[in-house]
Amino acid sequence: MKKNDNFDNNTKTPNDFSNDGLALTGKNHQDRRTFLRNASATGLMGSFALAAQPIKAQQVISTNFDGLEANEVDIQENGIELYAYVAKPKNVTAPLPVVIVCSEIFGVHEHIADIARRFAKEGYLAIAPEFFTRAGDPTSLGTFAEIMKQIISQTPDAQVVDDIRACLNWATKNGGDANRSAITGFCWGGRITWLACANIPELKAGVAWYGRLVGEKSDNFPAHPVDIAKTLKAPVLGLYGGADDGIPLNTVDQMEKALAQATGNVAAQASRFEIYPDAPHAFHADYRATYREAAAKDGWQKCLQWFKTHGV
């Protein structure tokens, strides 16, 4: 897959994200053994990120494994090695549509694994990459500030986009349809969804759930969604909350303006937002107090329809 010039610097330097916990919310390398303690064929062992506590167990959605294959895999493509949670329908021989599931800042914990299984129930080969493997294990850290400093700041955009390319390459060799690939992400992963759709032409559609749209730039984070509207290669549906304290609606207005000004870009012109007026940040996160059932369910259906509309 051809790289895009939006990212030309992969150095790891201090950055501007340390104060972005509201909107995005040790450098020890996480080895395979550490990841395997969290991931298994029966889910992530009921594991949720420590910083996301307390868990609202009574509202957590749990997707069963009936008719599915789900497990942790070690992806090695183009000199890149990372781990991912993969779920797909059993006993299907035809190539499957592919969806990349990008996590919040908490990494691949049980909620993200469950979302992958939900997509698999819909007939997708769902891949949830552990983008933070090189920086450490965010599930073990107790505060948003620690995750931002030790994990997010050490995970450059260019590295993440290369990881997504590696996952798509792996997918085509493991039952995925190279012509039907999409991406979705939550919070931190919502921002990544916009960036991926501007840098990876193989993607046909994206759905960004309350991902940060604007911000200061740095070597590790050279562009934000508002900066790449003119270079979008796949249309993005943005699902955002009107009561999100970390992502003010005026930043959504900025993004909509940038998209409207990209008059020669078909993907930008096709992109749009769905705003849920009373929903806070992380309204889809059924394990947190921010969960809003009506908005989450409506957004999920709109996500599935968006992918189908765009051929995925």
Foldseek 3Di string as FASTA:
>chain_A
DDWDPLADFADQDFDDCLPQCLQQPAQDAADPVNVVCQWAQFARVPADAQQQDDWPVVQDDADGQVQKGWTKDWFDDPNDTFIKIKMAGPPDDAFFFEEEEEEGLQFDHRLSNRVNNVVRVVGYTYIYTRQQNSQDHRSHDNHSSCSVVRTVSRRFLVSVLVVVVSVLVVSVVPRHDQQHYEYEYARCRLFSRLVNQLIPLSHAEYERESYAADDDADNRRHDTNLRRLLRGNYAYEYEYELAEPSHHVVSVVSSLVSLVVSVVHPNSVPHDYDYHHHQYGPCLRSGHPRHDPVSNVVSVVVVVVRSVVRPD
